[in-house]
N, C-alpha and C. Protein backbone atom coordinates (compact mmCIF):
# COMPACT_ATOMS: atom_id res chain seq x y z
N MET A 1 7.81 91.94 126.80
CA MET A 1 7.69 91.24 125.52
C MET A 1 6.56 91.85 124.70
N THR A 2 6.84 92.18 123.45
CA THR A 2 5.78 92.73 122.59
C THR A 2 4.98 91.59 122.00
N ALA A 3 3.79 91.93 121.42
CA ALA A 3 2.92 90.92 120.87
C ALA A 3 3.63 90.09 119.79
N LYS A 4 4.41 90.76 118.96
CA LYS A 4 5.06 90.03 117.88
C LYS A 4 6.17 89.09 118.36
N ASP A 5 6.59 89.26 119.62
CA ASP A 5 7.63 88.38 120.14
C ASP A 5 7.05 87.11 120.74
N LYS A 6 5.76 87.06 120.91
CA LYS A 6 5.12 85.88 121.48
C LYS A 6 5.21 84.69 120.51
N GLN A 7 5.62 83.55 121.04
CA GLN A 7 5.63 82.33 120.26
C GLN A 7 4.36 81.55 120.61
N ILE A 8 3.57 81.27 119.61
CA ILE A 8 2.23 80.68 119.82
C ILE A 8 2.15 79.32 119.19
N LEU A 9 1.63 78.36 119.93
CA LEU A 9 1.42 77.01 119.42
C LEU A 9 -0.09 76.79 119.27
N ILE A 10 -0.52 76.50 118.05
CA ILE A 10 -1.93 76.15 117.81
C ILE A 10 -1.99 74.66 117.58
N VAL A 11 -2.87 74.00 118.33
CA VAL A 11 -3.02 72.54 118.27
C VAL A 11 -4.38 72.17 117.70
N THR A 12 -4.39 71.47 116.58
CA THR A 12 -5.64 70.93 116.02
C THR A 12 -5.66 69.42 116.21
N ALA A 13 -6.77 68.82 115.84
CA ALA A 13 -6.88 67.38 115.88
C ALA A 13 -6.36 66.77 114.59
N VAL A 14 -6.86 67.28 113.45
CA VAL A 14 -6.57 66.65 112.15
C VAL A 14 -5.93 67.63 111.19
N GLU A 15 -5.38 67.07 110.10
CA GLU A 15 -4.66 67.89 109.11
C GLU A 15 -5.56 68.90 108.42
N ALA A 16 -6.83 68.54 108.18
CA ALA A 16 -7.74 69.47 107.50
C ALA A 16 -7.93 70.76 108.32
N GLU A 17 -7.99 70.63 109.63
CA GLU A 17 -8.08 71.83 110.48
C GLU A 17 -6.78 72.63 110.43
N LYS A 18 -5.67 71.92 110.49
CA LYS A 18 -4.36 72.56 110.41
C LYS A 18 -4.21 73.35 109.12
N GLU A 19 -4.60 72.72 108.00
CA GLU A 19 -4.48 73.37 106.70
C GLU A 19 -5.36 74.62 106.60
N ALA A 20 -6.57 74.54 107.19
CA ALA A 20 -7.48 75.68 107.16
C ALA A 20 -6.89 76.85 107.93
N ILE A 21 -6.26 76.57 109.05
CA ILE A 21 -5.63 77.62 109.87
C ILE A 21 -4.41 78.21 109.16
N LEU A 22 -3.55 77.35 108.63
CA LEU A 22 -2.38 77.83 107.92
C LEU A 22 -2.75 78.71 106.72
N LYS A 23 -3.88 78.41 106.10
CA LYS A 23 -4.35 79.20 104.96
C LYS A 23 -4.58 80.66 105.35
N GLY A 24 -4.94 80.90 106.59
CA GLY A 24 -5.24 82.25 107.04
C GLY A 24 -4.04 83.00 107.57
N LEU A 25 -2.92 82.34 107.73
CA LEU A 25 -1.72 82.98 108.27
C LEU A 25 -0.87 83.59 107.16
N HIS A 26 -0.45 84.81 107.35
CA HIS A 26 0.43 85.49 106.37
C HIS A 26 1.84 84.92 106.46
N SER A 27 2.22 84.51 107.66
CA SER A 27 3.53 83.89 107.89
C SER A 27 3.42 83.02 109.12
N THR A 28 4.41 82.20 109.32
CA THR A 28 4.42 81.34 110.52
C THR A 28 5.67 81.61 111.37
N ASN A 29 6.09 82.89 111.34
CA ASN A 29 7.29 83.25 112.09
C ASN A 29 7.11 83.05 113.61
N ASN A 30 5.93 83.38 114.13
CA ASN A 30 5.73 83.23 115.56
C ASN A 30 4.51 82.38 115.92
N ILE A 31 3.82 81.88 114.89
CA ILE A 31 2.68 80.99 115.14
C ILE A 31 2.94 79.65 114.47
N HIS A 32 2.94 78.60 115.26
CA HIS A 32 3.21 77.24 114.78
C HIS A 32 1.99 76.40 114.97
N VAL A 33 1.66 75.58 113.97
CA VAL A 33 0.43 74.80 114.00
C VAL A 33 0.78 73.32 113.86
N ILE A 34 0.22 72.49 114.77
CA ILE A 34 0.41 71.05 114.68
C ILE A 34 -0.93 70.34 114.71
N ALA A 35 -1.01 69.20 114.03
CA ALA A 35 -2.17 68.30 114.15
C ALA A 35 -1.78 67.20 115.11
N ALA A 36 -2.37 67.20 116.28
CA ALA A 36 -1.92 66.31 117.38
C ALA A 36 -2.66 64.99 117.42
N GLY A 37 -3.72 64.86 116.66
CA GLY A 37 -4.52 63.63 116.70
C GLY A 37 -5.83 63.83 117.41
N VAL A 38 -6.72 62.88 117.27
CA VAL A 38 -8.08 62.99 117.80
C VAL A 38 -8.14 62.47 119.24
N GLY A 39 -8.84 63.23 120.09
CA GLY A 39 -9.05 62.81 121.47
C GLY A 39 -8.09 63.46 122.45
N PRO A 40 -8.45 63.48 123.74
CA PRO A 40 -7.64 64.18 124.74
C PRO A 40 -6.28 63.55 124.99
N ALA A 41 -6.16 62.22 124.87
CA ALA A 41 -4.87 61.59 125.12
C ALA A 41 -3.85 61.99 124.08
N ALA A 42 -4.21 61.86 122.80
CA ALA A 42 -3.31 62.23 121.72
C ALA A 42 -2.98 63.72 121.78
N ALA A 43 -4.00 64.52 122.09
CA ALA A 43 -3.79 65.96 122.19
C ALA A 43 -2.78 66.32 123.28
N ALA A 44 -2.96 65.72 124.45
CA ALA A 44 -2.04 65.98 125.58
C ALA A 44 -0.64 65.52 125.28
N THR A 45 -0.51 64.32 124.71
CA THR A 45 0.80 63.75 124.42
C THR A 45 1.59 64.60 123.44
N ASN A 46 0.94 64.95 122.33
CA ASN A 46 1.66 65.65 121.27
C ASN A 46 1.84 67.13 121.57
N THR A 47 0.94 67.72 122.37
CA THR A 47 1.16 69.07 122.85
C THR A 47 2.38 69.10 123.76
N THR A 48 2.46 68.13 124.66
CA THR A 48 3.60 68.03 125.57
C THR A 48 4.91 67.89 124.79
N ARG A 49 4.88 67.04 123.76
CA ARG A 49 6.08 66.85 122.94
C ARG A 49 6.53 68.18 122.31
N ALA A 50 5.56 68.93 121.82
CA ALA A 50 5.89 70.23 121.19
C ALA A 50 6.44 71.21 122.22
N LEU A 51 5.88 71.22 123.41
CA LEU A 51 6.31 72.15 124.46
C LEU A 51 7.67 71.78 125.02
N CYS A 52 8.06 70.53 124.86
CA CYS A 52 9.37 70.09 125.31
C CYS A 52 10.48 70.47 124.33
N THR A 53 10.09 70.70 123.08
CA THR A 53 11.11 70.93 122.05
C THR A 53 11.27 72.42 121.70
N SER A 54 10.26 73.25 122.00
CA SER A 54 10.36 74.67 121.71
C SER A 54 9.69 75.47 122.83
N LYS A 55 10.09 76.74 122.97
CA LYS A 55 9.52 77.61 123.98
C LYS A 55 8.35 78.38 123.43
N TYR A 56 7.19 78.29 124.09
CA TYR A 56 5.97 78.98 123.64
C TYR A 56 5.44 79.85 124.78
N ASN A 57 4.78 80.95 124.39
CA ASN A 57 4.17 81.87 125.36
C ASN A 57 2.67 81.71 125.44
N LEU A 58 2.07 80.98 124.49
CA LEU A 58 0.64 80.77 124.46
C LEU A 58 0.33 79.50 123.67
N VAL A 59 -0.63 78.72 124.18
CA VAL A 59 -1.10 77.53 123.48
C VAL A 59 -2.59 77.69 123.18
N ILE A 60 -2.98 77.37 121.94
CA ILE A 60 -4.40 77.49 121.55
C ILE A 60 -4.88 76.15 120.99
N SER A 61 -5.90 75.57 121.62
CA SER A 61 -6.56 74.42 121.05
C SER A 61 -7.61 74.95 120.07
N MET A 62 -7.55 74.50 118.83
CA MET A 62 -8.39 75.14 117.80
C MET A 62 -8.83 74.09 116.77
N GLY A 63 -10.09 74.22 116.37
CA GLY A 63 -10.63 73.31 115.36
C GLY A 63 -12.13 73.49 115.22
N ILE A 64 -12.78 72.52 114.63
CA ILE A 64 -14.23 72.57 114.51
C ILE A 64 -14.86 71.87 115.71
N GLY A 65 -16.16 72.08 115.88
CA GLY A 65 -16.84 71.46 117.04
C GLY A 65 -18.34 71.52 116.83
N GLY A 66 -19.06 70.84 117.72
CA GLY A 66 -20.51 70.87 117.70
C GLY A 66 -21.04 71.90 118.67
N GLY A 67 -22.06 72.64 118.28
CA GLY A 67 -22.62 73.69 119.13
C GLY A 67 -23.92 73.25 119.79
N PHE A 68 -24.09 73.61 121.07
CA PHE A 68 -25.34 73.33 121.76
C PHE A 68 -26.41 74.32 121.31
N ALA A 69 -27.63 73.79 121.19
CA ALA A 69 -28.75 74.61 120.72
C ALA A 69 -28.92 75.85 121.57
N ASP A 70 -29.17 76.99 120.93
CA ASP A 70 -29.39 78.28 121.57
C ASP A 70 -28.14 78.86 122.22
N ARG A 71 -27.02 78.16 122.08
CA ARG A 71 -25.77 78.66 122.65
C ARG A 71 -24.74 79.01 121.58
N ALA A 72 -24.65 78.14 120.58
CA ALA A 72 -23.67 78.34 119.50
C ALA A 72 -24.22 77.79 118.23
N LYS A 73 -24.68 78.68 117.37
CA LYS A 73 -25.27 78.28 116.11
C LYS A 73 -24.21 77.81 115.12
N VAL A 74 -24.63 76.94 114.23
CA VAL A 74 -23.74 76.47 113.17
C VAL A 74 -23.23 77.66 112.37
N GLY A 75 -21.94 77.70 112.15
CA GLY A 75 -21.32 78.79 111.41
C GLY A 75 -20.68 79.85 112.30
N SER A 76 -20.95 79.77 113.60
CA SER A 76 -20.38 80.77 114.53
C SER A 76 -19.01 80.31 115.05
N ILE A 77 -18.35 81.21 115.73
CA ILE A 77 -17.07 80.95 116.40
C ILE A 77 -17.26 81.08 117.88
N VAL A 78 -16.73 80.14 118.64
CA VAL A 78 -16.80 80.18 120.10
C VAL A 78 -15.42 80.15 120.72
N ILE A 79 -15.22 81.05 121.68
CA ILE A 79 -14.00 81.10 122.47
C ILE A 79 -14.34 80.62 123.87
N ALA A 80 -13.55 79.69 124.38
CA ALA A 80 -13.85 79.13 125.69
C ALA A 80 -13.51 80.10 126.82
N ASN A 81 -14.43 80.19 127.81
CA ASN A 81 -14.09 80.87 129.05
C ASN A 81 -13.66 79.88 130.11
N GLU A 82 -13.91 78.60 129.83
CA GLU A 82 -13.35 77.51 130.61
C GLU A 82 -13.39 76.25 129.77
N ILE A 83 -12.45 75.33 130.05
CA ILE A 83 -12.33 74.10 129.29
C ILE A 83 -12.65 72.95 130.25
N ILE A 84 -13.66 72.13 129.90
CA ILE A 84 -14.22 71.18 130.84
C ILE A 84 -14.14 69.75 130.29
N ALA A 85 -13.60 68.85 131.09
CA ALA A 85 -13.62 67.42 130.77
C ALA A 85 -14.99 66.88 131.19
N ALA A 86 -15.92 66.84 130.24
CA ALA A 86 -17.32 66.61 130.58
C ALA A 86 -17.66 65.18 130.92
N ASP A 87 -16.82 64.21 130.52
CA ASP A 87 -17.12 62.83 130.80
C ASP A 87 -16.09 62.14 131.67
N LEU A 88 -15.30 62.93 132.39
CA LEU A 88 -14.27 62.40 133.27
C LEU A 88 -14.83 62.25 134.68
N GLY A 89 -15.22 61.02 135.02
CA GLY A 89 -15.86 60.78 136.31
C GLY A 89 -16.51 59.40 136.36
N VAL A 90 -17.57 59.28 137.12
CA VAL A 90 -18.27 57.98 137.22
C VAL A 90 -19.77 58.21 137.12
N GLU A 91 -20.47 57.18 136.69
CA GLU A 91 -21.93 57.18 136.73
C GLU A 91 -22.40 56.62 138.06
N THR A 92 -23.40 57.23 138.67
CA THR A 92 -23.96 56.71 139.90
C THR A 92 -25.48 56.62 139.73
N ALA A 93 -26.15 56.03 140.72
CA ALA A 93 -27.60 55.92 140.67
C ALA A 93 -28.27 57.28 140.65
N GLU A 94 -27.56 58.29 141.20
CA GLU A 94 -28.09 59.64 141.26
C GLU A 94 -27.70 60.48 140.02
N GLY A 95 -26.83 59.94 139.17
CA GLY A 95 -26.39 60.67 137.99
C GLY A 95 -24.88 60.70 137.89
N PHE A 96 -24.37 61.53 137.01
CA PHE A 96 -22.93 61.63 136.76
C PHE A 96 -22.24 62.33 137.93
N CYS A 97 -21.07 61.83 138.30
CA CYS A 97 -20.26 62.42 139.36
C CYS A 97 -18.86 62.72 138.79
N GLY A 98 -18.52 63.97 138.70
CA GLY A 98 -17.25 64.38 138.10
C GLY A 98 -16.05 64.15 138.99
N LEU A 99 -14.90 64.24 138.36
CA LEU A 99 -13.61 63.99 139.03
C LEU A 99 -13.44 64.89 140.24
N ASN A 100 -13.84 66.14 140.10
CA ASN A 100 -13.67 67.10 141.21
C ASN A 100 -14.56 66.72 142.40
N GLU A 101 -15.76 66.19 142.12
CA GLU A 101 -16.65 65.78 143.21
C GLU A 101 -16.13 64.53 143.91
N LEU A 102 -15.35 63.72 143.18
CA LEU A 102 -14.75 62.52 143.76
C LEU A 102 -13.51 62.85 144.57
N GLY A 103 -13.00 64.07 144.40
CA GLY A 103 -11.78 64.46 145.15
C GLY A 103 -10.49 64.04 144.49
N PHE A 104 -10.54 63.79 143.17
CA PHE A 104 -9.35 63.30 142.46
C PHE A 104 -8.77 64.35 141.49
N GLY A 105 -9.17 65.58 141.64
CA GLY A 105 -8.66 66.63 140.74
C GLY A 105 -9.80 67.45 140.21
N SER A 106 -9.51 68.22 139.20
CA SER A 106 -10.54 69.12 138.63
C SER A 106 -10.82 68.77 137.19
N THR A 107 -12.10 68.91 136.82
CA THR A 107 -12.51 68.71 135.44
C THR A 107 -12.60 70.05 134.70
N HIS A 108 -12.29 71.15 135.39
CA HIS A 108 -12.35 72.49 134.82
C HIS A 108 -10.95 73.09 134.79
N LEU A 109 -10.54 73.55 133.62
CA LEU A 109 -9.26 74.22 133.48
C LEU A 109 -9.49 75.66 132.98
N LYS A 110 -8.73 76.57 133.52
CA LYS A 110 -8.91 77.98 133.23
C LYS A 110 -8.21 78.36 131.93
N VAL A 111 -8.81 79.34 131.27
CA VAL A 111 -8.15 79.97 130.11
C VAL A 111 -7.61 81.33 130.55
N ASP A 112 -6.80 81.93 129.69
CA ASP A 112 -6.31 83.28 129.97
C ASP A 112 -7.40 84.27 129.61
N ILE A 113 -8.08 84.83 130.62
CA ILE A 113 -9.23 85.68 130.39
C ILE A 113 -8.88 86.96 129.65
N ASN A 114 -7.75 87.56 129.94
CA ASN A 114 -7.34 88.76 129.23
C ASN A 114 -7.17 88.51 127.73
N LEU A 115 -6.47 87.42 127.40
CA LEU A 115 -6.27 87.09 126.00
C LEU A 115 -7.60 86.68 125.35
N MET A 116 -8.42 85.96 126.10
CA MET A 116 -9.74 85.59 125.59
C MET A 116 -10.53 86.83 125.17
N ASN A 117 -10.55 87.82 126.03
CA ASN A 117 -11.28 89.06 125.73
C ASN A 117 -10.67 89.80 124.54
N LYS A 118 -9.36 89.76 124.46
CA LYS A 118 -8.66 90.46 123.37
C LYS A 118 -9.04 89.83 122.03
N VAL A 119 -9.05 88.49 121.98
CA VAL A 119 -9.41 87.80 120.75
C VAL A 119 -10.89 88.03 120.45
N TYR A 120 -11.74 87.98 121.46
CA TYR A 120 -13.17 88.18 121.28
C TYR A 120 -13.46 89.57 120.67
N GLU A 121 -12.85 90.58 121.22
CA GLU A 121 -13.07 91.94 120.72
C GLU A 121 -12.61 92.07 119.28
N ALA A 122 -11.50 91.42 118.94
CA ALA A 122 -11.01 91.50 117.56
C ALA A 122 -11.95 90.77 116.61
N LEU A 123 -12.47 89.62 117.01
CA LEU A 123 -13.38 88.86 116.15
C LEU A 123 -14.73 89.58 116.01
N LYS A 124 -15.15 90.27 117.05
CA LYS A 124 -16.42 91.00 117.03
C LYS A 124 -16.44 92.08 115.95
N LYS A 125 -15.27 92.60 115.59
CA LYS A 125 -15.16 93.64 114.61
C LYS A 125 -15.35 93.13 113.19
N THR A 126 -15.35 91.82 113.02
CA THR A 126 -15.57 91.21 111.71
C THR A 126 -17.05 90.90 111.55
N LYS A 127 -17.42 90.28 110.44
CA LYS A 127 -18.81 89.90 110.19
C LYS A 127 -19.14 88.53 110.77
N MET A 128 -18.16 87.91 111.41
CA MET A 128 -18.40 86.59 112.00
C MET A 128 -19.24 86.73 113.27
N ILE A 129 -20.01 85.67 113.54
CA ILE A 129 -20.77 85.59 114.79
C ILE A 129 -19.86 84.92 115.81
N VAL A 130 -19.62 85.55 116.91
CA VAL A 130 -18.67 85.04 117.91
C VAL A 130 -19.30 85.04 119.30
N HIS A 131 -19.07 83.98 120.05
CA HIS A 131 -19.60 83.82 121.39
C HIS A 131 -18.47 83.44 122.33
N ILE A 132 -18.72 83.60 123.64
CA ILE A 132 -17.84 83.11 124.70
C ILE A 132 -18.65 82.15 125.55
N GLY A 133 -18.07 81.00 125.89
CA GLY A 133 -18.77 80.04 126.74
C GLY A 133 -17.93 78.82 127.04
N PRO A 134 -18.39 77.95 127.93
CA PRO A 134 -17.65 76.73 128.22
C PRO A 134 -17.58 75.80 127.01
N ILE A 135 -16.40 75.26 126.76
CA ILE A 135 -16.22 74.26 125.73
C ILE A 135 -15.91 72.92 126.42
N LEU A 136 -16.69 71.91 126.08
CA LEU A 136 -16.58 70.60 126.70
C LEU A 136 -15.68 69.68 125.88
N THR A 137 -14.87 68.91 126.58
CA THR A 137 -14.07 67.85 125.96
C THR A 137 -14.69 66.51 126.30
N LEU A 138 -15.00 65.72 125.28
CA LEU A 138 -15.52 64.37 125.49
C LEU A 138 -14.73 63.40 124.65
N SER A 139 -14.60 62.17 125.17
CA SER A 139 -13.96 61.10 124.39
C SER A 139 -14.96 60.46 123.46
N THR A 140 -16.25 60.54 123.80
CA THR A 140 -17.32 60.04 122.94
C THR A 140 -18.25 61.18 122.60
N ILE A 141 -18.30 61.53 121.32
CA ILE A 141 -19.12 62.66 120.90
C ILE A 141 -20.62 62.31 120.99
N THR A 142 -21.42 63.26 121.38
CA THR A 142 -22.85 63.08 121.57
C THR A 142 -23.56 62.74 120.25
N GLY A 143 -24.46 61.76 120.31
CA GLY A 143 -25.20 61.37 119.12
C GLY A 143 -26.72 61.29 119.30
N THR A 144 -27.18 61.73 120.49
CA THR A 144 -28.63 61.70 120.75
C THR A 144 -29.06 62.99 121.40
N SER A 145 -30.34 63.30 121.24
CA SER A 145 -30.91 64.50 121.89
C SER A 145 -30.89 64.35 123.40
N GLU A 146 -31.09 63.12 123.89
CA GLU A 146 -31.13 62.86 125.32
C GLU A 146 -29.77 63.19 125.96
N THR A 147 -28.69 62.74 125.34
CA THR A 147 -27.37 63.01 125.89
C THR A 147 -27.05 64.53 125.83
N ALA A 148 -27.44 65.14 124.73
CA ALA A 148 -27.23 66.59 124.58
C ALA A 148 -27.93 67.35 125.71
N LEU A 149 -29.17 66.95 126.01
CA LEU A 149 -29.94 67.59 127.08
C LEU A 149 -29.29 67.36 128.44
N LYS A 150 -28.80 66.16 128.68
CA LYS A 150 -28.16 65.85 129.94
C LYS A 150 -26.91 66.71 130.15
N LEU A 151 -26.12 66.84 129.11
CA LEU A 151 -24.89 67.62 129.20
C LEU A 151 -25.20 69.10 129.45
N SER A 152 -26.13 69.64 128.68
CA SER A 152 -26.43 71.06 128.82
C SER A 152 -27.12 71.36 130.14
N SER A 153 -27.82 70.37 130.72
CA SER A 153 -28.46 70.53 132.04
C SER A 153 -27.42 70.44 133.15
N ARG A 154 -26.45 69.56 132.99
CA ARG A 154 -25.45 69.32 134.03
C ARG A 154 -24.39 70.42 134.03
N ILE A 155 -24.04 70.94 132.85
CA ILE A 155 -22.99 71.95 132.75
C ILE A 155 -23.62 73.24 132.24
N LYS A 156 -23.91 74.11 133.15
CA LYS A 156 -24.62 75.34 132.81
C LYS A 156 -23.86 76.19 131.79
N GLY A 157 -24.54 76.60 130.78
CA GLY A 157 -23.92 77.46 129.78
C GLY A 157 -23.11 76.75 128.74
N ALA A 158 -23.08 75.39 128.79
CA ALA A 158 -22.29 74.64 127.82
C ALA A 158 -22.54 75.11 126.41
N ALA A 159 -21.48 75.46 125.69
CA ALA A 159 -21.63 76.03 124.35
C ALA A 159 -21.22 75.08 123.24
N VAL A 160 -20.12 74.35 123.48
CA VAL A 160 -19.54 73.53 122.42
C VAL A 160 -19.06 72.22 123.00
N GLU A 161 -19.08 71.17 122.18
CA GLU A 161 -18.37 69.95 122.55
C GLU A 161 -17.35 69.62 121.45
N ALA A 162 -16.19 69.17 121.91
CA ALA A 162 -15.11 68.74 121.01
C ALA A 162 -14.36 67.62 121.73
N MET A 163 -13.17 67.28 121.25
CA MET A 163 -12.50 66.11 121.79
C MET A 163 -11.07 66.32 122.27
N GLU A 164 -10.55 67.55 122.16
CA GLU A 164 -9.13 67.71 122.44
C GLU A 164 -8.77 68.79 123.47
N GLY A 165 -9.64 69.74 123.68
CA GLY A 165 -9.27 70.93 124.47
C GLY A 165 -8.70 70.64 125.84
N PHE A 166 -9.31 69.74 126.58
CA PHE A 166 -8.83 69.45 127.94
C PHE A 166 -7.44 68.83 127.92
N GLY A 167 -7.16 68.02 126.91
CA GLY A 167 -5.81 67.42 126.80
C GLY A 167 -4.77 68.48 126.50
N VAL A 168 -5.09 69.38 125.56
CA VAL A 168 -4.17 70.48 125.23
C VAL A 168 -3.96 71.38 126.44
N ALA A 169 -5.07 71.71 127.12
CA ALA A 169 -4.99 72.62 128.26
C ALA A 169 -4.22 72.01 129.42
N THR A 170 -4.36 70.71 129.63
CA THR A 170 -3.64 70.01 130.70
C THR A 170 -2.14 70.13 130.46
N ALA A 171 -1.72 69.90 129.23
CA ALA A 171 -0.29 70.02 128.88
C ALA A 171 0.19 71.46 129.12
N ALA A 172 -0.56 72.43 128.63
CA ALA A 172 -0.17 73.82 128.79
C ALA A 172 -0.06 74.23 130.25
N HIS A 173 -1.03 73.78 131.07
CA HIS A 173 -0.99 74.10 132.51
C HIS A 173 0.21 73.48 133.19
N GLU A 174 0.61 72.29 132.77
CA GLU A 174 1.78 71.64 133.37
C GLU A 174 3.04 72.46 133.12
N PHE A 175 3.06 73.20 132.00
CA PHE A 175 4.20 74.03 131.64
C PHE A 175 4.00 75.49 132.08
N ASN A 176 2.89 75.76 132.76
CA ASN A 176 2.54 77.13 133.21
C ASN A 176 2.46 78.10 132.04
N ILE A 177 1.87 77.66 130.94
CA ILE A 177 1.70 78.47 129.76
C ILE A 177 0.22 78.80 129.59
N PRO A 178 -0.12 80.04 129.33
CA PRO A 178 -1.52 80.42 129.10
C PRO A 178 -2.14 79.60 127.96
N VAL A 179 -3.43 79.36 128.07
CA VAL A 179 -4.12 78.54 127.06
C VAL A 179 -5.44 79.15 126.67
N LEU A 180 -5.83 78.97 125.42
CA LEU A 180 -7.13 79.32 124.90
C LEU A 180 -7.69 78.14 124.13
N GLU A 181 -9.02 78.12 123.95
CA GLU A 181 -9.64 77.17 123.01
C GLU A 181 -10.63 77.93 122.16
N ILE A 182 -10.54 77.69 120.85
CA ILE A 182 -11.42 78.35 119.88
C ILE A 182 -11.99 77.30 118.94
N ARG A 183 -13.31 77.35 118.73
CA ARG A 183 -13.97 76.37 117.87
C ARG A 183 -14.87 77.04 116.85
N ALA A 184 -14.82 76.53 115.62
CA ALA A 184 -15.75 76.93 114.57
C ALA A 184 -16.85 75.84 114.53
N ILE A 185 -18.11 76.27 114.59
CA ILE A 185 -19.20 75.32 114.74
C ILE A 185 -19.67 74.78 113.39
N SER A 186 -19.57 73.46 113.24
CA SER A 186 -19.94 72.81 111.99
C SER A 186 -21.29 72.12 112.05
N ASN A 187 -21.77 71.82 113.28
CA ASN A 187 -22.99 71.05 113.41
C ASN A 187 -23.57 71.23 114.81
N PRO A 188 -24.86 70.99 114.97
CA PRO A 188 -25.44 71.05 116.33
C PRO A 188 -25.11 69.78 117.11
N VAL A 189 -25.03 69.91 118.42
CA VAL A 189 -24.83 68.73 119.29
C VAL A 189 -26.15 67.97 119.34
N GLY A 190 -26.09 66.64 119.14
CA GLY A 190 -27.30 65.83 119.16
C GLY A 190 -27.25 64.74 118.11
N PRO A 191 -28.40 64.34 117.60
CA PRO A 191 -28.44 63.27 116.58
C PRO A 191 -27.51 63.56 115.40
N ARG A 192 -26.78 62.56 114.99
CA ARG A 192 -25.79 62.75 113.93
C ARG A 192 -26.49 62.79 112.55
N ASP A 193 -26.40 63.94 111.91
CA ASP A 193 -26.96 64.11 110.58
C ASP A 193 -25.89 64.71 109.71
N ARG A 194 -25.03 63.86 109.17
CA ARG A 194 -23.85 64.33 108.45
C ARG A 194 -24.21 65.17 107.21
N GLU A 195 -25.37 64.91 106.65
CA GLU A 195 -25.80 65.67 105.49
C GLU A 195 -26.00 67.14 105.82
N ALA A 196 -26.32 67.40 107.11
CA ALA A 196 -26.60 68.81 107.52
C ALA A 196 -25.37 69.51 108.03
N TRP A 197 -24.23 68.79 108.16
CA TRP A 197 -23.03 69.43 108.67
C TRP A 197 -22.49 70.43 107.66
N ARG A 198 -22.03 71.56 108.14
CA ARG A 198 -21.50 72.62 107.29
C ARG A 198 -19.98 72.72 107.49
N MET A 199 -19.31 71.69 107.01
CA MET A 199 -17.86 71.59 107.19
C MET A 199 -17.13 72.72 106.45
N LYS A 200 -17.56 72.99 105.23
CA LYS A 200 -16.89 74.02 104.43
C LYS A 200 -16.92 75.36 105.14
N GLU A 201 -18.09 75.73 105.67
CA GLU A 201 -18.22 77.00 106.38
C GLU A 201 -17.37 76.99 107.65
N ALA A 202 -17.31 75.85 108.34
CA ALA A 202 -16.52 75.76 109.57
C ALA A 202 -15.04 75.95 109.28
N PHE A 203 -14.55 75.28 108.23
CA PHE A 203 -13.12 75.44 107.86
C PHE A 203 -12.83 76.87 107.42
N GLU A 204 -13.77 77.49 106.71
CA GLU A 204 -13.58 78.89 106.35
C GLU A 204 -13.54 79.78 107.60
N GLY A 205 -14.32 79.42 108.61
CA GLY A 205 -14.31 80.14 109.87
C GLY A 205 -12.94 80.04 110.56
N LEU A 206 -12.35 78.85 110.49
CA LEU A 206 -11.00 78.69 111.06
C LEU A 206 -9.98 79.56 110.33
N THR A 207 -10.10 79.62 109.00
CA THR A 207 -9.18 80.42 108.21
C THR A 207 -9.30 81.91 108.57
N LYS A 208 -10.52 82.40 108.63
CA LYS A 208 -10.74 83.80 108.98
C LYS A 208 -10.23 84.10 110.39
N THR A 209 -10.50 83.17 111.30
CA THR A 209 -10.10 83.38 112.70
C THR A 209 -8.59 83.43 112.82
N SER A 210 -7.89 82.55 112.10
CA SER A 210 -6.42 82.54 112.18
C SER A 210 -5.83 83.84 111.65
N THR A 211 -6.45 84.41 110.64
CA THR A 211 -6.00 85.72 110.13
C THR A 211 -6.11 86.78 111.22
N ILE A 212 -7.25 86.76 111.93
CA ILE A 212 -7.47 87.73 113.02
C ILE A 212 -6.46 87.48 114.14
N LEU A 213 -6.22 86.22 114.47
CA LEU A 213 -5.26 85.90 115.53
C LEU A 213 -3.88 86.46 115.21
N GLN A 214 -3.49 86.33 113.94
CA GLN A 214 -2.18 86.86 113.58
C GLN A 214 -2.11 88.37 113.72
N GLU A 215 -3.23 89.02 113.42
CA GLU A 215 -3.27 90.48 113.58
C GLU A 215 -3.22 90.86 115.06
N VAL A 216 -3.88 90.07 115.90
CA VAL A 216 -3.92 90.35 117.34
C VAL A 216 -2.52 90.19 117.96
N PHE A 217 -1.82 89.15 117.52
CA PHE A 217 -0.54 88.80 118.16
C PHE A 217 0.67 89.23 117.35
N ASN A 218 0.48 90.18 116.44
CA ASN A 218 1.62 90.73 115.67
C ASN A 218 1.60 92.24 115.70
């Protein structure tokens, strides 16, 4: 199968992310974009629905996200090297205990490393700042410095937090389809300061990234 024969599903949370991505695509012959809703449950459900109705060779969870300090600066693009359900587990007196430690499954899902590197190398050739690192999925977005520090201490190398990647990746893995996650950073992880968020730049980053993706897979 050649690159242009690949059918790719891009899953966003909201319409604004979907529109930003579509803006960067020259055509949608082999790349289809859906807004699946906010959070891992909606993402998993609607990704599964899409995968049941059409055949895809790659699934990409894509949108904006918060970047951890010194890992992913606002305005940069991050490609996941693993997708982690960061709050799936239990609290104990000794601290957080993840699903994998409880013996009920894994909180880490793999991405397609070859495709990750291919996209990374393509983005590096642009003027965009691009990183590779773990992207966390949370049902409750971080709003304090304390929680941000706990997450970055518990999950080494944590680069980004968002709300859908693990749900999208779970659906893709159930269908044995390769998966990636890509995030444009709009704000730092920590105290919520909406005045400082750079949404316009983040959406522009999604548009530029989708143009590069189309070049990579066509």
